[in-house]
Amino acid sequence: MPDIDPQVRDRNANYGAAPASAQPEVRPERGRSGRGAEIAVRALWLALGFALGVSAGLLWAGSVMAGG
């Protein structure tokens, strides 16, 4: 095997995929609550937005009916 310049060898090594051992599995850090808490928080925000929208709609309808 011919003697290859170390810089060229290192540069060429970067073109290949890293071995599986060099690519640890990346998982998002979550607490004990996990996905369930995220879904619950989104549901709460959705309910809050719906309630505010209904309230605003009723207030607007009341002002229109009162002629304001």
PDB file of N, CA and C in Angstrom:
ATOM      1  N   MET A   1       0.853  -1.176   0.000  1.00  0.00           N
ATOM      2  CA  MET A   1       0.000   0.000   0.000  1.00  0.00           C
ATOM      3  C   MET A   1       0.898   1.237   0.000  1.00  0.00           C
ATOM      4  N   PRO A   2       0.615   2.187  -0.887  1.00  0.00           N
ATOM      5  CA  PRO A   2       1.477   3.371  -0.952  1.00  0.00           C
ATOM      6  C   PRO A   2       1.334   4.234   0.296  1.00  0.00           C
ATOM      7  N   ASP A   3       2.407   4.934   0.580  1.00  0.00           N
ATOM      8  CA  ASP A   3       2.402   5.818   1.742  1.00  0.00           C
ATOM      9  C   ASP A   3       1.606   7.078   1.388  1.00  0.00           C
ATOM     10  N   ILE A   4       0.516   7.338   2.110  1.00  0.00           N
ATOM     11  CA  ILE A   4      -0.362   8.480   1.829  1.00  0.00           C
ATOM     12  C   ILE A   4      -0.119   9.556   2.875  1.00  0.00           C
ATOM     13  N   ASP A   5      -0.127  10.786   2.405  1.00  0.00           N
ATOM     14  CA  ASP A   5       0.038  11.923   3.308  1.00  0.00           C
ATOM     15  C   ASP A   5      -1.080  11.878   4.368  1.00  0.00           C
ATOM     16  N   PRO A   6      -0.764  12.033   5.647  1.00  0.00           N
ATOM     17  CA  PRO A   6      -1.793  11.940   6.700  1.00  0.00           C
ATOM     18  C   PRO A   6      -2.938  12.930   6.514  1.00  0.00           C
ATOM     19  N   GLN A   7      -2.654  14.134   6.020  1.00  0.00           N
ATOM     20  CA  GLN A   7      -3.736  15.105   5.816  1.00  0.00           C
ATOM     21  C   GLN A   7      -4.707  14.623   4.747  1.00  0.00           C
ATOM     22  N   VAL A   8      -4.166  14.066   3.674  1.00  0.00           N
ATOM     23  CA  VAL A   8      -5.024  13.560   2.603  1.00  0.00           C
ATOM     24  C   VAL A   8      -5.844  12.389   3.119  1.00  0.00           C
ATOM     25  N   ARG A   9      -5.211  11.506   3.888  1.00  0.00           N
ATOM     26  CA  ARG A   9      -5.917  10.347   4.426  1.00  0.00           C
ATOM     27  C   ARG A   9      -7.064  10.797   5.338  1.00  0.00           C
ATOM     28  N   ASP A  10      -6.813  11.776   6.217  1.00  0.00           N
ATOM     29  CA  ASP A  10      -7.854  12.246   7.123  1.00  0.00           C
ATOM     30  C   ASP A  10      -8.986  12.927   6.354  1.00  0.00           C
ATOM     31  N   ARG A  11      -8.619  13.699   5.327  1.00  0.00           N
ATOM     32  CA  ARG A  11      -9.651  14.384   4.546  1.00  0.00           C
ATOM     33  C   ARG A  11     -10.513  13.360   3.815  1.00  0.00           C
ATOM     34  N   ASN A  12      -9.889  12.335   3.254  1.00  0.00           N
ATOM     35  CA  ASN A  12     -10.643  11.310   2.546  1.00  0.00           C
ATOM     36  C   ASN A  12     -11.511  10.504   3.503  1.00  0.00           C
ATOM     37  N   ALA A  13     -11.068  10.334   4.723  1.00  0.00           N
ATOM     38  CA  ALA A  13     -11.852   9.573   5.693  1.00  0.00           C
ATOM     39  C   ALA A  13     -13.150  10.296   6.027  1.00  0.00           C
ATOM     40  N   ASN A  14     -13.159  11.623   5.901  1.00  0.00           N
ATOM     41  CA  ASN A  14     -14.362  12.384   6.230  1.00  0.00           C
ATOM     42  C   ASN A  14     -15.462  12.228   5.191  1.00  0.00           C
ATOM     43  N   TYR A  15     -15.134  11.731   4.007  1.00  0.00           N
ATOM     44  CA  TYR A  15     -16.164  11.580   2.981  1.00  0.00           C
ATOM     45  C   TYR A  15     -17.057  10.379   3.247  1.00  0.00           C
ATOM     46  N   GLY A  16     -16.547   9.400   3.935  1.00  0.00           N
ATOM     47  CA  GLY A  16     -17.349   8.223   4.225  1.00  0.00           C
ATOM     48  C   GLY A  16     -18.247   8.460   5.422  1.00  0.00           C
ATOM     49  N   ALA A  17     -19.224   7.611   5.574  1.00  0.00           N
ATOM     50  CA  ALA A  17     -20.103   7.722   6.740  1.00  0.00           C
ATOM     51  C   ALA A  17     -19.350   7.258   7.974  1.00  0.00           C
ATOM     52  N   ALA A  18     -19.657   7.884   9.069  1.00  0.00           N
ATOM     53  CA  ALA A  18     -19.018   7.491  10.323  1.00  0.00           C
ATOM     54  C   ALA A  18     -19.537   6.117  10.731  1.00  0.00           C
ATOM     55  N   PRO A  19     -18.721   5.340  11.399  1.00  0.00           N
ATOM     56  CA  PRO A  19     -19.202   4.032  11.852  1.00  0.00           C
ATOM     57  C   PRO A  19     -20.376   4.192  12.815  1.00  0.00           C
ATOM     58  N   ALA A  20     -21.171   3.161  12.919  1.00  0.00           N
ATOM     59  CA  ALA A  20     -22.372   3.231  13.753  1.00  0.00           C
ATOM     60  C   ALA A  20     -22.032   3.560  15.201  1.00  0.00           C
ATOM     61  N   SER A  21     -20.893   3.090  15.670  1.00  0.00           N
ATOM     62  CA  SER A  21     -20.523   3.347  17.061  1.00  0.00           C
ATOM     63  C   SER A  21     -20.235   4.822  17.303  1.00  0.00           C
ATOM     64  N   ALA A  22     -19.894   5.563  16.241  1.00  0.00           N
ATOM     65  CA  ALA A  22     -19.592   6.986  16.393  1.00  0.00           C
ATOM     66  C   ALA A  22     -20.844   7.846  16.301  1.00  0.00           C
ATOM     67  N   GLN A  23     -21.973   7.234  15.986  1.00  0.00           N
ATOM     68  CA  GLN A  23     -23.224   7.974  15.870  1.00  0.00           C
ATOM     69  C   GLN A  23     -24.194   7.484  16.941  1.00  0.00           C
ATOM     70  N   PRO A  24     -24.107   8.035  18.133  1.00  0.00           N
ATOM     71  CA  PRO A  24     -25.028   7.577  19.181  1.00  0.00           C
ATOM     72  C   PRO A  24     -26.464   7.962  18.843  1.00  0.00           C
ATOM     73  N   GLU A  25     -27.373   7.153  19.289  1.00  0.00           N
ATOM     74  CA  GLU A  25     -28.782   7.446  19.051  1.00  0.00           C
ATOM     75  C   GLU A  25     -29.166   8.683  19.848  1.00  0.00           C
ATOM     76  N   VAL A  26     -29.731   9.647  19.150  1.00  0.00           N
ATOM     77  CA  VAL A  26     -30.100  10.905  19.805  1.00  0.00           C
ATOM     78  C   VAL A  26     -31.589  10.868  20.094  1.00  0.00           C
ATOM     79  N   ARG A  27     -31.923  10.958  21.362  1.00  0.00           N
ATOM     80  CA  ARG A  27     -33.323  10.999  21.760  1.00  0.00           C
ATOM     81  C   ARG A  27     -33.579  12.303  22.484  1.00  0.00           C
ATOM     82  N   PRO A  28     -34.709  12.928  22.223  1.00  0.00           N
ATOM     83  CA  PRO A  28     -34.991  14.169  22.943  1.00  0.00           C
ATOM     84  C   PRO A  28     -35.150  13.903  24.432  1.00  0.00           C
ATOM     85  N   GLU A  29     -34.589  14.794  25.222  1.00  0.00           N
ATOM     86  CA  GLU A  29     -34.689  14.635  26.669  1.00  0.00           C
ATOM     87  C   GLU A  29     -36.084  15.025  27.125  1.00  0.00           C
ATOM     88  N   ARG A  30     -36.739  14.114  27.784  1.00  0.00           N
ATOM     89  CA  ARG A  30     -38.056  14.399  28.348  1.00  0.00           C
ATOM     90  C   ARG A  30     -38.032  13.952  29.802  1.00  0.00           C
ATOM     91  N   GLY A  31     -38.831  14.606  30.576  1.00  0.00           N
ATOM     92  CA  GLY A  31     -38.926  14.229  31.976  1.00  0.00           C
ATOM     93  C   GLY A  31     -39.743  12.960  32.126  1.00  0.00           C
ATOM     94  N   ARG A  32     -40.159  12.696  33.325  1.00  0.00           N
ATOM     95  CA  ARG A  32     -40.973  11.498  33.568  1.00  0.00           C
ATOM     96  C   ARG A  32     -42.325  11.603  32.884  1.00  0.00           C
ATOM     97  N   SER A  33     -42.803  12.839  32.702  1.00  0.00           N
ATOM     98  CA  SER A  33     -44.141  13.030  32.141  1.00  0.00           C
ATOM     99  C   SER A  33     -44.203  12.584  30.680  1.00  0.00           C
ATOM    100  N   GLY A  34     -43.179  12.884  29.911  1.00  0.00           N
ATOM    101  CA  GLY A  34     -43.117  12.424  28.531  1.00  0.00           C
ATOM    102  C   GLY A  34     -44.134  13.097  27.635  1.00  0.00           C
ATOM    103  N   ARG A  35     -44.625  12.348  26.669  1.00  0.00           N
ATOM    104  CA  ARG A  35     -45.502  12.902  25.627  1.00  0.00           C
ATOM    105  C   ARG A  35     -46.881  13.245  26.158  1.00  0.00           C
ATOM    106  N   GLY A  36     -47.353  12.538  27.160  1.00  0.00           N
ATOM    107  CA  GLY A  36     -48.697  12.782  27.681  1.00  0.00           C
ATOM    108  C   GLY A  36     -48.863  14.190  28.208  1.00  0.00           C
ATOM    109  N   ALA A  37     -47.866  14.699  28.893  1.00  0.00           N
ATOM    110  CA  ALA A  37     -47.953  16.054  29.443  1.00  0.00           C
ATOM    111  C   ALA A  37     -47.975  17.082  28.320  1.00  0.00           C
ATOM    112  N   GLU A  38     -47.217  16.838  27.276  1.00  0.00           N
ATOM    113  CA  GLU A  38     -47.200  17.773  26.147  1.00  0.00           C
ATOM    114  C   GLU A  38     -48.577  17.840  25.496  1.00  0.00           C
ATOM    115  N   ILE A  39     -49.216  16.699  25.333  1.00  0.00           N
ATOM    116  CA  ILE A  39     -50.555  16.667  24.740  1.00  0.00           C
ATOM    117  C   ILE A  39     -51.554  17.358  25.661  1.00  0.00           C
ATOM    118  N   ALA A  40     -51.430  17.148  26.966  1.00  0.00           N
ATOM    119  CA  ALA A  40     -52.343  17.780  27.917  1.00  0.00           C
ATOM    120  C   ALA A  40     -52.203  19.299  27.885  1.00  0.00           C
ATOM    121  N   VAL A  41     -50.975  19.787  27.801  1.00  0.00           N
ATOM    122  CA  VAL A  41     -50.757  21.238  27.754  1.00  0.00           C
ATOM    123  C   VAL A  41     -51.351  21.816  26.478  1.00  0.00           C
ATOM    124  N   ARG A  42     -51.170  21.130  25.368  1.00  0.00           N
ATOM    125  CA  ARG A  42     -51.748  21.622  24.113  1.00  0.00           C
ATOM    126  C   ARG A  42     -53.269  21.624  24.181  1.00  0.00           C
ATOM    127  N   ALA A  43     -53.844  20.609  24.795  1.00  0.00           N
ATOM    128  CA  ALA A  43     -55.304  20.558  24.934  1.00  0.00           C
ATOM    129  C   ALA A  43     -55.808  21.697  25.811  1.00  0.00           C
ATOM    130  N   LEU A  44     -55.068  22.017  26.867  1.00  0.00           N
ATOM    131  CA  LEU A  44     -55.463  23.136  27.726  1.00  0.00           C
ATOM    132  C   LEU A  44     -55.418  24.459  26.967  1.00  0.00           C
ATOM    133  N   TRP A  45     -54.358  24.667  26.187  1.00  0.00           N
ATOM    134  CA  TRP A  45     -54.266  25.902  25.405  1.00  0.00           C
ATOM    135  C   TRP A  45     -55.394  25.981  24.382  1.00  0.00           C
ATOM    136  N   LEU A  46     -55.720  24.861  23.774  1.00  0.00           N
ATOM    137  CA  LEU A  46     -56.806  24.837  22.795  1.00  0.00           C
ATOM    138  C   LEU A  46     -58.134  25.176  23.464  1.00  0.00           C
ATOM    139  N   ALA A  47     -58.384  24.592  24.638  1.00  0.00           N
ATOM    140  CA  ALA A  47     -59.621  24.876  25.365  1.00  0.00           C
ATOM    141  C   ALA A  47     -59.684  26.344  25.782  1.00  0.00           C
ATOM    142  N   LEU A  48     -58.565  26.884  26.228  1.00  0.00           N
ATOM    143  CA  LEU A  48     -58.526  28.291  26.635  1.00  0.00           C
ATOM    144  C   LEU A  48     -58.808  29.205  25.440  1.00  0.00           C
ATOM    145  N   GLY A  49     -58.194  28.911  24.316  1.00  0.00           N
ATOM    146  CA  GLY A  49     -58.433  29.708  23.114  1.00  0.00           C
ATOM    147  C   GLY A  49     -59.875  29.619  22.653  1.00  0.00           C
ATOM    148  N   PHE A  50     -60.448  28.429  22.732  1.00  0.00           N
ATOM    149  CA  PHE A  50     -61.847  28.255  22.341  1.00  0.00           C
ATOM    150  C   PHE A  50     -62.762  29.057  23.259  1.00  0.00           C
ATOM    151  N   ALA A  51     -62.510  28.983  24.574  1.00  0.00           N
ATOM    152  CA  ALA A  51     -63.336  29.716  25.538  1.00  0.00           C
ATOM    153  C   ALA A  51     -63.228  31.225  25.315  1.00  0.00           C
ATOM    154  N   LEU A  52     -62.023  31.711  25.067  1.00  0.00           N
ATOM    155  CA  LEU A  52     -61.854  33.143  24.814  1.00  0.00           C
ATOM    156  C   LEU A  52     -62.554  33.557  23.519  1.00  0.00           C
ATOM    157  N   GLY A  53     -62.475  32.724  22.518  1.00  0.00           N
ATOM    158  CA  GLY A  53     -63.144  33.025  21.253  1.00  0.00           C
ATOM    159  C   GLY A  53     -64.651  33.067  21.402  1.00  0.00           C
ATOM    160  N   VAL A  54     -65.201  32.117  22.135  1.00  0.00           N
ATOM    161  CA  VAL A  54     -66.649  32.097  22.361  1.00  0.00           C
ATOM    162  C   VAL A  54     -67.067  33.323  23.161  1.00  0.00           C
ATOM    163  N   SER A  55     -66.297  33.649  24.199  1.00  0.00           N
ATOM    164  CA  SER A  55     -66.618  34.822  25.020  1.00  0.00           C
ATOM    165  C   SER A  55     -66.591  36.097  24.180  1.00  0.00           C
ATOM    166  N   ALA A  56     -65.557  36.243  23.372  1.00  0.00           N
ATOM    167  CA  ALA A  56     -65.458  37.435  22.530  1.00  0.00           C
ATOM    168  C   ALA A  56     -66.610  37.484  21.536  1.00  0.00           C
ATOM    169  N   GLY A  57     -66.969  36.345  20.978  1.00  0.00           N
ATOM    170  CA  GLY A  57     -68.089  36.298  20.033  1.00  0.00           C
ATOM    171  C   GLY A  57     -69.405  36.673  20.683  1.00  0.00           C
ATOM    172  N   LEU A  58     -69.626  36.184  21.896  1.00  0.00           N
ATOM    173  CA  LEU A  58     -70.865  36.519  22.602  1.00  0.00           C
ATOM    174  C   LEU A  58     -70.913  37.996  22.961  1.00  0.00           C
ATOM    175  N   LEU A  59     -69.787  38.543  23.393  1.00  0.00           N
ATOM    176  CA  LEU A  59     -69.749  39.973  23.713  1.00  0.00           C
ATOM    177  C   LEU A  59     -70.019  40.813  22.468  1.00  0.00           C
ATOM    178  N   TRP A  60     -69.424  40.422  21.356  1.00  0.00           N
ATOM    179  CA  TRP A  60     -69.633  41.158  20.114  1.00  0.00           C
ATOM    180  C   TRP A  60     -71.097  41.060  19.678  1.00  0.00           C
ATOM    181  N   ALA A  61     -71.665  39.848  19.739  1.00  0.00           N
ATOM    182  CA  ALA A  61     -73.063  39.666  19.343  1.00  0.00           C
ATOM    183  C   ALA A  61     -73.985  40.472  20.247  1.00  0.00           C
ATOM    184  N   GLY A  62     -73.688  40.509  21.539  1.00  0.00           N
ATOM    185  CA  GLY A  62     -74.511  41.289  22.460  1.00  0.00           C
ATOM    186  C   GLY A  62     -74.445  42.768  22.156  1.00  0.00           C
ATOM    187  N   SER A  63     -73.267  43.259  21.811  1.00  0.00           N
ATOM    188  CA  SER A  63     -73.152  44.688  21.505  1.00  0.00           C
ATOM    189  C   SER A  63     -73.849  45.022  20.196  1.00  0.00           C
ATOM    190  N   VAL A  64     -73.830  44.102  19.228  1.00  0.00           N
ATOM    191  CA  VAL A  64     -74.503  44.344  17.956  1.00  0.00           C
ATOM    192  C   VAL A  64     -76.011  44.349  18.167  1.00  0.00           C
ATOM    193  N   MET A  65     -76.509  43.417  18.967  1.00  0.00           N
ATOM    194  CA  MET A  65     -77.950  43.341  19.212  1.00  0.00           C
ATOM    195  C   MET A  65     -78.434  44.543  20.022  1.00  0.00           C
ATOM    196  N   ALA A  66     -77.572  45.072  20.884  1.00  0.00           N
ATOM    197  CA  ALA A  66     -77.956  46.227  21.688  1.00  0.00           C
ATOM    198  C   ALA A  66     -77.838  47.518  20.882  1.00  0.00           C
ATOM    199  N   GLY A  67     -77.325  47.413  19.690  1.00  0.00           N
ATOM    200  CA  GLY A  67     -77.203  48.594  18.841  1.00  0.00           C
ATOM    201  C   GLY A  67     -75.971  49.415  19.142  1.00  0.00           C
ATOM    202  N   GLY A  68     -74.986  48.815  19.824  1.00  0.00           N
ATOM    203  CA  GLY A  68     -73.793  49.569  20.189  1.00  0.00           C
ATOM    204  C   GLY A  68     -72.792  49.397  19.160  1.00  0.00           C
TER     205      GLY A  68
END
